[in-house]
PDB file of N, CA and C in Angstrom:
ATOM      1  N   UNK A   1       1.988  -3.707 -15.946  1.00  0.00           N
ATOM      2  CA  UNK A   1       0.781  -4.081 -15.226  1.00  0.00           C
ATOM      3  C   UNK A   1      -0.409  -3.523 -15.994  1.00  0.00           C
ATOM      4  N   UNK A   2      -1.319  -4.381 -16.422  1.00  0.00           N
ATOM      5  CA  UNK A   2      -2.503  -3.901 -17.144  1.00  0.00           C
ATOM      6  C   UNK A   2      -3.493  -3.289 -16.172  1.00  0.00           C
ATOM      7  N   UNK A   3      -4.321  -2.361 -16.681  1.00  0.00           N
ATOM      8  CA  UNK A   3      -5.285  -1.686 -15.812  1.00  0.00           C
ATOM      9  C   UNK A   3      -6.212  -2.654 -15.097  1.00  0.00           C
ATOM     10  N   UNK A   4      -6.567  -3.774 -15.761  1.00  0.00           N
ATOM     11  CA  UNK A   4      -7.483  -4.721 -15.130  1.00  0.00           C
ATOM     12  C   UNK A   4      -6.827  -5.438 -13.945  1.00  0.00           C
ATOM     13  N   UNK A   5      -5.500  -5.487 -13.925  1.00  0.00           N
ATOM     14  CA  UNK A   5      -4.803  -6.169 -12.836  1.00  0.00           C
ATOM     15  C   UNK A   5      -4.446  -5.224 -11.691  1.00  0.00           C
ATOM     16  N   UNK A   6      -4.619  -3.938 -11.888  1.00  0.00           N
ATOM     17  CA  UNK A   6      -4.214  -2.969 -10.877  1.00  0.00           C
ATOM     18  C   UNK A   6      -5.264  -2.882  -9.768  1.00  0.00           C
ATOM     19  N   UNK A   7      -4.794  -3.004  -8.543  1.00  0.00           N
ATOM     20  CA  UNK A   7      -5.651  -2.829  -7.370  1.00  0.00           C
ATOM     21  C   UNK A   7      -5.095  -1.650  -6.583  1.00  0.00           C
ATOM     22  N   UNK A   8      -5.932  -1.041  -5.754  1.00  0.00           N
ATOM     23  CA  UNK A   8      -5.490   0.077  -4.922  1.00  0.00           C
ATOM     24  C   UNK A   8      -5.438  -0.354  -3.461  1.00  0.00           C
ATOM     25  N   UNK A   9      -4.511   0.305  -2.745  1.00  0.00           N
ATOM     26  CA  UNK A   9      -4.292  -0.014  -1.345  1.00  0.00           C
ATOM     27  C   UNK A   9      -4.024   1.262  -0.556  1.00  0.00           C
ATOM     28  N   UNK A  10      -4.444   1.262   0.715  1.00  0.00           N
ATOM     29  CA  UNK A  10      -4.048   2.309   1.657  1.00  0.00           C
ATOM     30  C   UNK A  10      -2.906   1.732   2.470  1.00  0.00           C
ATOM     31  N   UNK A  11      -1.878   2.530   2.634  1.00  0.00           N
ATOM     32  CA  UNK A  11      -0.714   2.104   3.416  1.00  0.00           C
ATOM     33  C   UNK A  11      -0.601   3.065   4.595  1.00  0.00           C
ATOM     34  N   UNK A  12      -0.642   2.530   5.807  1.00  0.00           N
ATOM     35  CA  UNK A  12      -0.566   3.338   7.020  1.00  0.00           C
ATOM     36  C   UNK A  12       0.805   3.166   7.649  1.00  0.00           C
ATOM     37  N   UNK A  13       1.472   4.284   7.920  1.00  0.00           N
ATOM     38  CA  UNK A  13       2.774   4.285   8.575  1.00  0.00           C
ATOM     39  C   UNK A  13       2.527   4.634  10.041  1.00  0.00           C
ATOM     40  N   UNK A  14       2.819   3.692  10.928  1.00  0.00           N
ATOM     41  CA  UNK A  14       2.488   3.838  12.345  1.00  0.00           C
ATOM     42  C   UNK A  14       3.744   3.940  13.204  1.00  0.00           C
ATOM     43  N   UNK A  15       3.684   4.827  14.195  1.00  0.00           N
ATOM     44  CA  UNK A  15       4.714   4.917  15.221  1.00  0.00           C
ATOM     45  C   UNK A  15       3.981   5.077  16.549  1.00  0.00           C
ATOM     46  N   UNK A  16       4.228   4.187  17.515  1.00  0.00           N
ATOM     47  CA  UNK A  16       3.564   4.325  18.810  1.00  0.00           C
ATOM     48  C   UNK A  16       3.867   5.684  19.452  1.00  0.00           C
ATOM     49  N   UNK A  17       2.876   6.235  20.118  1.00  0.00           N
ATOM     50  CA  UNK A  17       3.016   7.529  20.784  1.00  0.00           C
ATOM     51  C   UNK A  17       4.205   7.519  21.745  1.00  0.00           C
ATOM     52  N   UNK A  18       4.399   6.432  22.476  1.00  0.00           N
ATOM     53  CA  UNK A  18       5.524   6.351  23.427  1.00  0.00           C
ATOM     54  C   UNK A  18       6.861   6.479  22.702  1.00  0.00           C
ATOM     55  N   UNK A  19       6.974   5.889  21.520  1.00  0.00           N
ATOM     56  CA  UNK A  19       8.206   5.985  20.742  1.00  0.00           C
ATOM     57  C   UNK A  19       8.432   7.426  20.290  1.00  0.00           C
ATOM     58  N   UNK A  20       7.379   8.083  19.835  1.00  0.00           N
ATOM     59  CA  UNK A  20       7.491   9.485  19.404  1.00  0.00           C
ATOM     60  C   UNK A  20       7.886  10.384  20.575  1.00  0.00           C
ATOM     61  N   UNK A  21       7.296  10.152  21.735  1.00  0.00           N
ATOM     62  CA  UNK A  21       7.604  10.945  22.926  1.00  0.00           C
ATOM     63  C   UNK A  21       9.063  10.761  23.316  1.00  0.00           C
ATOM     64  N   UNK A  22       9.533   9.532  23.293  1.00  0.00           N
ATOM     65  CA  UNK A  22      10.925   9.242  23.635  1.00  0.00           C
ATOM     66  C   UNK A  22      11.878   9.885  22.617  1.00  0.00           C
ATOM     67  N   UNK A  23      11.521   9.839  21.335  1.00  0.00           N
ATOM     68  CA  UNK A  23      12.353  10.405  20.281  1.00  0.00           C
ATOM     69  C   UNK A  23      12.547  11.916  20.476  1.00  0.00           C
ATOM     70  N   UNK A  24      11.513  12.587  20.950  1.00  0.00           N
ATOM     71  CA  UNK A  24      11.607  14.034  21.172  1.00  0.00           C
ATOM     72  C   UNK A  24      12.639  14.386  22.244  1.00  0.00           C
ATOM     73  N   UNK A  25      13.005  13.430  23.075  1.00  0.00           N
ATOM     74  CA  UNK A  25      14.002  13.644  24.135  1.00  0.00           C
ATOM     75  C   UNK A  25      15.436  13.496  23.612  1.00  0.00           C
ATOM     76  N   UNK A  26      15.576  13.004  22.378  1.00  0.00           N
ATOM     77  CA  UNK A  26      16.899  12.810  21.789  1.00  0.00           C
ATOM     78  C   UNK A  26      17.570  14.161  21.585  1.00  0.00           C
ATOM     79  N   UNK A  27      18.870  14.203  21.793  1.00  0.00           N
ATOM     80  CA  UNK A  27      19.650  15.436  21.607  1.00  0.00           C
ATOM     81  C   UNK A  27      19.367  15.990  20.205  1.00  0.00           C
ATOM     82  N   UNK A  28      19.005  17.276  20.090  1.00  0.00           N
ATOM     83  CA  UNK A  28      18.555  17.848  18.813  1.00  0.00           C
ATOM     84  C   UNK A  28      19.486  17.615  17.620  1.00  0.00           C
ATOM     85  N   UNK A  29      20.786  17.757  17.797  1.00  0.00           N
ATOM     86  CA  UNK A  29      21.703  17.571  16.675  1.00  0.00           C
ATOM     87  C   UNK A  29      21.669  16.130  16.180  1.00  0.00           C
ATOM     88  N   UNK A  30      21.642  15.189  17.117  1.00  0.00           N
ATOM     89  CA  UNK A  30      21.568  13.768  16.754  1.00  0.00           C
ATOM     90  C   UNK A  30      20.233  13.461  16.079  1.00  0.00           C
ATOM     91  N   UNK A  31      19.148  14.006  16.629  1.00  0.00           N
ATOM     92  CA  UNK A  31      17.808  13.769  16.074  1.00  0.00           C
ATOM     93  C   UNK A  31      17.722  14.316  14.644  1.00  0.00           C
ATOM     94  N   UNK A  32      18.220  15.530  14.430  1.00  0.00           N
ATOM     95  CA  UNK A  32      18.177  16.141  13.096  1.00  0.00           C
ATOM     96  C   UNK A  32      18.987  15.327  12.093  1.00  0.00           C
ATOM     97  N   UNK A  33      20.158  14.855  12.497  1.00  0.00           N
ATOM     98  CA  UNK A  33      20.993  14.052  11.597  1.00  0.00           C
ATOM     99  C   UNK A  33      20.292  12.744  11.237  1.00  0.00           C
ATOM    100  N   UNK A  34      19.691  12.094  12.221  1.00  0.00           N
ATOM    101  CA  UNK A  34      18.971  10.840  11.972  1.00  0.00           C
ATOM    102  C   UNK A  34      17.758  11.070  11.077  1.00  0.00           C
ATOM    103  N   UNK A  35      17.033  12.147  11.328  1.00  0.00           N
ATOM    104  CA  UNK A  35      15.857  12.451  10.514  1.00  0.00           C
ATOM    105  C   UNK A  35      16.257  12.775   9.075  1.00  0.00           C
ATOM    106  N   UNK A  36      17.360  13.500   8.894  1.00  0.00           N
ATOM    107  CA  UNK A  36      17.833  13.823   7.546  1.00  0.00           C
ATOM    108  C   UNK A  36      18.222  12.547   6.804  1.00  0.00           C
ATOM    109  N   UNK A  37      18.937  11.648   7.476  1.00  0.00           N
ATOM    110  CA  UNK A  37      19.340  10.378   6.872  1.00  0.00           C
ATOM    111  C   UNK A  37      18.111   9.565   6.465  1.00  0.00           C
ATOM    112  N   UNK A  38      17.130   9.486   7.349  1.00  0.00           N
ATOM    113  CA  UNK A  38      15.924   8.720   7.040  1.00  0.00           C
ATOM    114  C   UNK A  38      15.161   9.340   5.871  1.00  0.00           C
ATOM    115  N   UNK A  39      15.082  10.657   5.821  1.00  0.00           N
ATOM    116  CA  UNK A  39      14.374  11.315   4.722  1.00  0.00           C
ATOM    117  C   UNK A  39      15.071  11.044   3.388  1.00  0.00           C
ATOM    118  N   UNK A  40      16.397  11.006   3.393  1.00  0.00           N
ATOM    119  CA  UNK A  40      17.130  10.678   2.166  1.00  0.00           C
ATOM    120  C   UNK A  40      16.827   9.245   1.739  1.00  0.00           C
ATOM    121  N   UNK A  41      16.827   8.323   2.702  1.00  0.00           N
ATOM    122  CA  UNK A  41      16.518   6.920   2.399  1.00  0.00           C
ATOM    123  C   UNK A  41      15.075   6.778   1.941  1.00  0.00           C
ATOM    124  N   UNK A  42      14.172   7.509   2.590  1.00  0.00           N
ATOM    125  CA  UNK A  42      12.750   7.486   2.225  1.00  0.00           C
ATOM    126  C   UNK A  42      12.588   7.986   0.789  1.00  0.00           C
ATOM    127  N   UNK A  43      13.252   9.091   0.459  1.00  0.00           N
ATOM    128  CA  UNK A  43      13.162   9.650  -0.902  1.00  0.00           C
ATOM    129  C   UNK A  43      13.686   8.665  -1.930  1.00  0.00           C
ATOM    130  N   UNK A  44      14.793   8.003  -1.625  1.00  0.00           N
ATOM    131  CA  UNK A  44      15.361   7.014  -2.550  1.00  0.00           C
ATOM    132  C   UNK A  44      14.406   5.837  -2.718  1.00  0.00           C
ATOM    133  N   UNK A  45      13.818   5.365  -1.620  1.00  0.00           N
ATOM    134  CA  UNK A  45      12.871   4.241  -1.688  1.00  0.00           C
ATOM    135  C   UNK A  45      11.659   4.654  -2.518  1.00  0.00           C
ATOM    136  N   UNK A  46      11.145   5.848  -2.253  1.00  0.00           N
ATOM    137  CA  UNK A  46       9.963   6.335  -2.978  1.00  0.00           C
ATOM    138  C   UNK A  46      10.254   6.493  -4.462  1.00  0.00           C
ATOM    139  N   UNK A  47      11.420   6.991  -4.802  1.00  0.00           N
ATOM    140  CA  UNK A  47      11.784   7.146  -6.218  1.00  0.00           C
ATOM    141  C   UNK A  47      11.858   5.784  -6.905  1.00  0.00           C
ATOM    142  N   UNK A  48      12.389   4.788  -6.194  1.00  0.00           N
ATOM    143  CA  UNK A  48      12.505   3.441  -6.759  1.00  0.00           C
ATOM    144  C   UNK A  48      11.143   2.774  -6.955  1.00  0.00           C
ATOM    145  N   UNK A  49      10.127   3.241  -6.224  1.00  0.00           N
ATOM    146  CA  UNK A  49       8.789   2.645  -6.285  1.00  0.00           C
ATOM    147  C   UNK A  49       7.733   3.654  -6.752  1.00  0.00           C
ATOM    148  N   UNK A  50       8.173   4.683  -7.448  1.00  0.00           N
ATOM    149  CA  UNK A  50       7.277   5.775  -7.861  1.00  0.00           C
ATOM    150  C   UNK A  50       6.097   5.300  -8.699  1.00  0.00           C
ATOM    151  N   UNK A  51       6.280   4.220  -9.469  1.00  0.00           N
ATOM    152  CA  UNK A  51       5.193   3.747 -10.333  1.00  0.00           C
ATOM    153  C   UNK A  51       4.008   3.207  -9.545  1.00  0.00           C
ATOM    154  N   UNK A  52       4.210   2.853  -8.282  1.00  0.00           N
ATOM    155  CA  UNK A  52       3.104   2.305  -7.495  1.00  0.00           C
ATOM    156  C   UNK A  52       2.474   3.332  -6.545  1.00  0.00           C
ATOM    157  N   UNK A  53       3.182   4.415  -6.255  1.00  0.00           N
ATOM    158  CA  UNK A  53       2.707   5.393  -5.267  1.00  0.00           C
ATOM    159  C   UNK A  53       1.854   6.449  -5.957  1.00  0.00           C
ATOM    160  N   UNK A  54       0.588   6.535  -5.560  1.00  0.00           N
ATOM    161  CA  UNK A  54      -0.320   7.537  -6.114  1.00  0.00           C
ATOM    162  C   UNK A  54      -0.281   8.819  -5.300  1.00  0.00           C
ATOM    163  N   UNK A  55      -0.164   8.703  -3.971  1.00  0.00           N
ATOM    164  CA  UNK A  55      -0.049   9.880  -3.108  1.00  0.00           C
ATOM    165  C   UNK A  55       0.448   9.447  -1.737  1.00  0.00           C
ATOM    166  N   UNK A  56       1.105  10.369  -1.038  1.00  0.00           N
ATOM    167  CA  UNK A  56       1.519  10.172   0.357  1.00  0.00           C
ATOM    168  C   UNK A  56       1.237  11.473   1.074  1.00  0.00           C
ATOM    169  N   UNK A  57       0.572  11.373   2.217  1.00  0.00           N
ATOM    170  CA  UNK A  57       0.195  12.552   2.986  1.00  0.00           C
ATOM    171  C   UNK A  57       0.442  12.320   4.472  1.00  0.00           C
ATOM    172  N   UNK A  58       0.564  13.423   5.202  1.00  0.00           N
ATOM    173  CA  UNK A  58       0.769  13.382   6.641  1.00  0.00           C
ATOM    174  C   UNK A  58      -0.586  13.365   7.327  1.00  0.00           C
ATOM    175  N   UNK A  59      -0.726  12.470   8.308  1.00  0.00           N
ATOM    176  CA  UNK A  59      -1.952  12.446   9.104  1.00  0.00           C
ATOM    177  C   UNK A  59      -1.969  13.644  10.045  1.00  0.00           C
ATOM    178  N   UNK A  60      -3.139  14.148  10.319  1.00  0.00           N
ATOM    179  CA  UNK A  60      -3.270  15.302  11.204  1.00  0.00           C
ATOM    180  C   UNK A  60      -3.989  14.930  12.489  1.00  0.00           C
ATOM    181  N   UNK A  61      -4.515  15.930  13.148  1.00  0.00           N
ATOM    182  CA  UNK A  61      -5.269  15.698  14.377  1.00  0.00           C
ATOM    183  C   UNK A  61      -6.450  14.797  14.070  1.00  0.00           C
ATOM    184  N   UNK A  62      -6.818  13.981  15.046  1.00  0.00           N
ATOM    185  CA  UNK A  62      -7.858  12.979  14.858  1.00  0.00           C
ATOM    186  C   UNK A  62      -9.045  13.258  15.776  1.00  0.00           C
ATOM    187  N   UNK A  63     -10.228  13.095  15.236  1.00  0.00           N
ATOM    188  CA  UNK A  63     -11.470  13.178  16.005  1.00  0.00           C
ATOM    189  C   UNK A  63     -12.096  11.791  16.017  1.00  0.00           C
ATOM    190  N   UNK A  64     -12.534  11.373  17.168  1.00  0.00           N
ATOM    191  CA  UNK A  64     -13.265  10.115  17.289  1.00  0.00           C
ATOM    192  C   UNK A  64     -14.746  10.454  17.381  1.00  0.00           C
ATOM    193  N   UNK A  65     -15.539   9.766  16.582  1.00  0.00           N
ATOM    194  CA  UNK A  65     -16.973  10.035  16.525  1.00  0.00           C
ATOM    195  C   UNK A  65     -17.733   8.814  17.021  1.00  0.00           C
ATOM    196  N   UNK A  66     -18.575   9.011  18.003  1.00  0.00           N
ATOM    197  CA  UNK A  66     -19.533   7.998  18.454  1.00  0.00           C
ATOM    198  C   UNK A  66     -20.902   8.656  18.395  1.00  0.00           C
ATOM    199  N   UNK A  67     -21.949   7.884  18.540  1.00  0.00           N
ATOM    200  CA  UNK A  67     -23.290   8.454  18.366  1.00  0.00           C
ATOM    201  C   UNK A  67     -23.599   9.572  19.353  1.00  0.00           C
ATOM    202  N   UNK A  68     -22.939   9.589  20.498  1.00  0.00           N
ATOM    203  CA  UNK A  68     -23.260  10.588  21.518  1.00  0.00           C
ATOM    204  C   UNK A  68     -22.251  11.723  21.631  1.00  0.00           C
ATOM    205  N   UNK A  69     -21.103  11.633  20.903  1.00  0.00           N
ATOM    206  CA  UNK A  69     -20.088  12.674  21.087  1.00  0.00           C
ATOM    207  C   UNK A  69     -19.018  12.623  20.000  1.00  0.00           C
ATOM    208  N   UNK A  70     -18.303  13.728  19.916  1.00  0.00           N
ATOM    209  CA  UNK A  70     -17.101  13.830  19.093  1.00  0.00           C
ATOM    210  C   UNK A  70     -15.993  14.284  20.034  1.00  0.00           C
ATOM    211  N   UNK A  71     -14.850  13.584  20.002  1.00  0.00           N
ATOM    212  CA  UNK A  71     -13.758  13.944  20.907  1.00  0.00           C
ATOM    213  C   UNK A  71     -12.412  13.830  20.209  1.00  0.00           C
ATOM    214  N   UNK A  72     -11.443  14.569  20.750  1.00  0.00           N
ATOM    215  CA  UNK A  72     -10.078  14.467  20.250  1.00  0.00           C
ATOM    216  C   UNK A  72      -9.493  13.137  20.702  1.00  0.00           C
ATOM    217  N   UNK A  73      -8.636  12.569  19.858  1.00  0.00           N
ATOM    218  CA  UNK A  73      -7.970  11.323  20.235  1.00  0.00           C
ATOM    219  C   UNK A  73      -6.619  11.263  19.541  1.00  0.00           C
ATOM    220  N   UNK A  74      -5.791  10.318  19.936  1.00  0.00           N
ATOM    221  CA  UNK A  74      -4.495  10.078  19.302  1.00  0.00           C
ATOM    222  C   UNK A  74      -4.490   8.653  18.767  1.00  0.00           C
ATOM    223  N   UNK A  75      -3.819   8.469  17.653  1.00  0.00           N
ATOM    224  CA  UNK A  75      -3.571   7.124  17.154  1.00  0.00           C
ATOM    225  C   UNK A  75      -2.126   7.068  16.688  1.00  0.00           C
ATOM    226  N   UNK A  76      -1.682   5.931  16.225  1.00  0.00           N
ATOM    227  CA  UNK A  76      -0.285   5.742  15.851  1.00  0.00           C
ATOM    228  C   UNK A  76       0.007   6.081  14.385  1.00  0.00           C
ATOM    229  N   UNK A  77      -1.009   6.485  13.620  1.00  0.00           N
ATOM    230  CA  UNK A  77      -0.812   6.767  12.191  1.00  0.00           C
ATOM    231  C   UNK A  77      -0.151   8.141  12.042  1.00  0.00           C
ATOM    232  N   UNK A  78       1.026   8.164  11.408  1.00  0.00           N
ATOM    233  CA  UNK A  78       1.721   9.427  11.184  1.00  0.00           C
ATOM    234  C   UNK A  78       1.685   9.850   9.713  1.00  0.00           C
ATOM    235  N   UNK A  79       1.602   8.881   8.817  1.00  0.00           N
ATOM    236  CA  UNK A  79       1.523   9.132   7.376  1.00  0.00           C
ATOM    237  C   UNK A  79       0.647   8.065   6.758  1.00  0.00           C
ATOM    238  N   UNK A  80       0.169   8.360   5.558  1.00  0.00           N
ATOM    239  CA  UNK A  80      -0.518   7.320   4.804  1.00  0.00           C
ATOM    240  C   UNK A  80      -0.259   7.543   3.321  1.00  0.00           C
ATOM    241  N   UNK A  81      -0.342   6.471   2.576  1.00  0.00           N
ATOM    242  CA  UNK A  81      -0.188   6.528   1.125  1.00  0.00           C
ATOM    243  C   UNK A  81      -1.344   5.789   0.476  1.00  0.00           C
ATOM    244  N   UNK A  82      -1.655   6.201  -0.723  1.00  0.00           N
ATOM    245  CA  UNK A  82      -2.534   5.435  -1.601  1.00  0.00           C
ATOM    246  C   UNK A  82      -1.604   4.896  -2.688  1.00  0.00           C
ATOM    247  N   UNK A  83      -1.611   3.583  -2.863  1.00  0.00           N
ATOM    248  CA  UNK A  83      -0.712   2.957  -3.828  1.00  0.00           C
ATOM    249  C   UNK A  83      -1.497   1.995  -4.704  1.00  0.00           C
ATOM    250  N   UNK A  84      -0.836   1.532  -5.754  1.00  0.00           N
ATOM    251  CA  UNK A  84      -1.454   0.542  -6.626  1.00  0.00           C
ATOM    252  C   UNK A  84      -0.475  -0.605  -6.821  1.00  0.00           C
ATOM    253  N   UNK A  85      -1.041  -1.777  -7.075  1.00  0.00           N
ATOM    254  CA  UNK A  85      -0.209  -2.942  -7.320  1.00  0.00           C
ATOM    255  C   UNK A  85      -1.048  -4.108  -7.789  1.00  0.00           C
ATOM    256  N   UNK A  86      -0.367  -5.177  -8.156  1.00  0.00           N
ATOM    257  CA  UNK A  86      -1.037  -6.351  -8.702  1.00  0.00           C
ATOM    258  C   UNK A  86      -1.767  -7.150  -7.627  1.00  0.00           C
ATOM    259  N   UNK A  87      -1.211  -7.188  -6.403  1.00  0.00           N
ATOM    260  CA  UNK A  87      -1.852  -7.974  -5.350  1.00  0.00           C
ATOM    261  C   UNK A  87      -1.511  -7.401  -3.981  1.00  0.00           C
ATOM    262  N   UNK A  88      -2.323  -7.756  -3.018  1.00  0.00           N
ATOM    263  CA  UNK A  88      -2.139  -7.338  -1.631  1.00  0.00           C
ATOM    264  C   UNK A  88      -0.781  -7.815  -1.117  1.00  0.00           C
ATOM    265  N   UNK A  89      -0.483  -9.090  -1.344  1.00  0.00           N
ATOM    266  CA  UNK A  89       0.789  -9.646  -0.888  1.00  0.00           C
ATOM    267  C   UNK A  89       1.977  -8.960  -1.542  1.00  0.00           C
ATOM    268  N   UNK A  90       1.897  -8.710  -2.841  1.00  0.00           N
ATOM    269  CA  UNK A  90       3.015  -8.080  -3.553  1.00  0.00           C
ATOM    270  C   UNK A  90       3.289  -6.683  -3.007  1.00  0.00           C
ATOM    271  N   UNK A  91       2.244  -5.912  -2.773  1.00  0.00           N
ATOM    272  CA  UNK A  91       2.423  -4.559  -2.245  1.00  0.00           C
ATOM    273  C   UNK A  91       2.992  -4.631  -0.830  1.00  0.00           C
ATOM    274  N   UNK A  92       2.431  -5.488   0.011  1.00  0.00           N
ATOM    275  CA  UNK A  92       2.925  -5.615   1.387  1.00  0.00           C
ATOM    276  C   UNK A  92       4.400  -6.015   1.407  1.00  0.00           C
ATOM    277  N   UNK A  93       4.785  -6.957   0.576  1.00  0.00           N
ATOM    278  CA  UNK A  93       6.180  -7.393   0.540  1.00  0.00           C
ATOM    279  C   UNK A  93       7.108  -6.273   0.087  1.00  0.00           C
ATOM    280  N   UNK A  94       6.641  -5.420  -0.801  1.00  0.00           N
ATOM    281  CA  UNK A  94       7.452  -4.280  -1.242  1.00  0.00           C
ATOM    282  C   UNK A  94       7.806  -3.381  -0.065  1.00  0.00           C
ATOM    283  N   UNK A  95       6.880  -3.223   0.875  1.00  0.00           N
ATOM    284  CA  UNK A  95       7.105  -2.336   2.018  1.00  0.00           C
ATOM    285  C   UNK A  95       8.001  -2.944   3.096  1.00  0.00           C
ATOM    286  N   UNK A  96       8.364  -4.206   2.996  1.00  0.00           N
ATOM    287  CA  UNK A  96       9.261  -4.807   3.984  1.00  0.00           C
ATOM    288  C   UNK A  96      10.628  -4.128   4.000  1.00  0.00           C
ATOM    289  N   UNK A  97      11.015  -3.494   2.911  1.00  0.00           N
ATOM    290  CA  UNK A  97      12.315  -2.825   2.840  1.00  0.00           C
ATOM    291  C   UNK A  97      12.214  -1.315   3.064  1.00  0.00           C
ATOM    292  N   UNK A  98      11.066  -0.831   3.508  1.00  0.00           N
ATOM    293  CA  UNK A  98      10.872   0.612   3.658  1.00  0.00           C
ATOM    294  C   UNK A  98      11.662   1.152   4.863  1.00  0.00           C
ATOM    295  N   UNK A  99      12.315   2.312   4.707  1.00  0.00           N
ATOM    296  CA  UNK A  99      13.090   2.909   5.804  1.00  0.00           C
ATOM    297  C   UNK A  99      12.283   3.213   7.066  1.00  0.00           C
ATOM    298  N   UNK A 100      10.982   3.385   6.947  1.00  0.00           N
ATOM    299  CA  UNK A 100      10.133   3.641   8.126  1.00  0.00           C
ATOM    300  C   UNK A 100      10.311   2.546   9.177  1.00  0.00           C
ATOM    301  N   UNK A 101      10.586   1.344   8.739  1.00  0.00           N
ATOM    302  CA  UNK A 101      10.696   0.212   9.664  1.00  0.00           C
ATOM    303  C   UNK A 101      11.989   0.233  10.482  1.00  0.00           C
ATOM    304  N   UNK A 102      12.868   1.200  10.237  1.00  0.00           N
ATOM    305  CA  UNK A 102      14.062   1.381  11.064  1.00  0.00           C
ATOM    306  C   UNK A 102      13.712   2.006  12.418  1.00  0.00           C
ATOM    307  N   UNK A 103      12.552   2.642  12.493  1.00  0.00           N
ATOM    308  CA  UNK A 103      12.109   3.290  13.732  1.00  0.00           C
ATOM    309  C   UNK A 103      11.661   2.208  14.699  1.00  0.00           C
ATOM    310  N   UNK A 104      12.151   2.244  15.946  1.00  0.00           N
ATOM    311  CA  UNK A 104      11.733   1.227  16.914  1.00  0.00           C
ATOM    312  C   UNK A 104      10.209   1.149  17.046  1.00  0.00           C
ATOM    313  N   UNK A 105       9.677  -0.050  17.007  1.00  0.00           N
ATOM    314  CA  UNK A 105       8.246  -0.346  17.174  1.00  0.00           C
ATOM    315  C   UNK A 105       7.374   0.173  16.031  1.00  0.00           C
ATOM    316  N   UNK A 106       7.957   0.722  14.983  1.00  0.00           N
ATOM    317  CA  UNK A 106       7.169   1.221  13.858  1.00  0.00           C
ATOM    318  C   UNK A 106       6.597   0.054  13.065  1.00  0.00           C
ATOM    319  N   UNK A 107       5.435   0.281  12.486  1.00  0.00           N
ATOM    320  CA  UNK A 107       4.805  -0.720  11.638  1.00  0.00           C
ATOM    321  C   UNK A 107       4.250  -0.042  10.390  1.00  0.00           C
ATOM    322  N   UNK A 108       3.992  -0.864   9.396  1.00  0.00           N
ATOM    323  CA  UNK A 108       3.322  -0.415   8.183  1.00  0.00           C
ATOM    324  C   UNK A 108       2.163  -1.378   7.952  1.00  0.00           C
ATOM    325  N   UNK A 109       0.988  -0.830   7.746  1.00  0.00           N
ATOM    326  CA  UNK A 109      -0.192  -1.641   7.466  1.00  0.00           C
ATOM    327  C   UNK A 109      -0.645  -1.363   6.038  1.00  0.00           C
ATOM    328  N   UNK A 110      -0.971  -2.414   5.319  1.00  0.00           N
ATOM    329  CA  UNK A 110      -1.428  -2.302   3.937  1.00  0.00           C
ATOM    330  C   UNK A 110      -2.848  -2.857   3.872  1.00  0.00           C
ATOM    331  N   UNK A 111      -3.787  -2.012   3.438  1.00  0.00           N
ATOM    332  CA  UNK A 111      -5.187  -2.401   3.379  1.00  0.00           C
ATOM    333  C   UNK A 111      -5.704  -2.212   1.960  1.00  0.00           C
ATOM    334  N   UNK A 112      -6.292  -3.253   1.395  1.00  0.00           N
ATOM    335  CA  UNK A 112      -6.841  -3.145   0.052  1.00  0.00           C
ATOM    336  C   UNK A 112      -8.050  -2.209   0.055  1.00  0.00           C
ATOM    337  N   UNK A 113      -8.155  -1.407  -0.998  1.00  0.00           N
ATOM    338  CA  UNK A 113      -9.301  -0.520  -1.195  1.00  0.00           C
ATOM    339  C   UNK A 113     -10.155  -1.145  -2.288  1.00  0.00           C
ATOM    340  N   UNK A 114     -11.425  -1.369  -1.983  1.00  0.00           N
ATOM    341  CA  UNK A 114     -12.344  -1.940  -2.968  1.00  0.00           C
ATOM    342  C   UNK A 114     -13.573  -1.055  -3.076  1.00  0.00           C
ATOM    343  N   UNK A 115     -14.246  -1.089  -4.188  1.00  0.00           N
ATOM    344  CA  UNK A 115     -15.507  -0.344  -4.296  1.00  0.00           C
ATOM    345  C   UNK A 115     -16.495  -0.834  -3.248  1.00  0.00           C
ATOM    346  N   UNK A 116     -17.334   0.042  -2.758  1.00  0.00           N
ATOM    347  CA  UNK A 116     -18.285  -0.290  -1.701  1.00  0.00           C
ATOM    348  C   UNK A 116     -19.126  -1.517  -2.045  1.00  0.00           C
ATOM    349  N   UNK A 117     -19.569  -1.659  -3.256  1.00  0.00           N
ATOM    350  CA  UNK A 117     -20.386  -2.797  -3.651  1.00  0.00           C
ATOM    351  C   UNK A 117     -19.640  -4.115  -3.682  1.00  0.00           C
ATOM    352  N   UNK A 118     -18.316  -4.090  -3.594  1.00  0.00           N
ATOM    353  CA  UNK A 118     -17.509  -5.317  -3.644  1.00  0.00           C
ATOM    354  C   UNK A 118     -17.238  -5.896  -2.279  1.00  0.00           C
ATOM    355  N   UNK A 119     -17.897  -5.377  -1.243  1.00  0.00           N
ATOM    356  CA  UNK A 119     -17.641  -5.846   0.123  1.00  0.00           C
ATOM    357  C   UNK A 119     -18.074  -7.245   0.312  1.00  0.00           C
TER     358      UNK A 119
END
């Protein structure tokens, strides 16, 4: 992929709060085994796609800002990545096989990042 063809994207890994709450009720031994299996699959997927992944980080506490206030809030974003690829469709299609999608109701959103002047 030539530098002129490379585009950047934000990838959001989402899990609904209700799904996360329900998961916490799972028997600890079963939950740990499932989480370990998913992390192994995630690591294998990431290694296979390492050339496109620039960074992956865990989302933290969220503040919502409006003109009159700042408040705590929750959203479904649990992780995000910055990735590169030739096209929006190509990157999105790559994520169709991601282990994150094994989680009930989980989604992955891919958003192109462009320079501010390119809006």
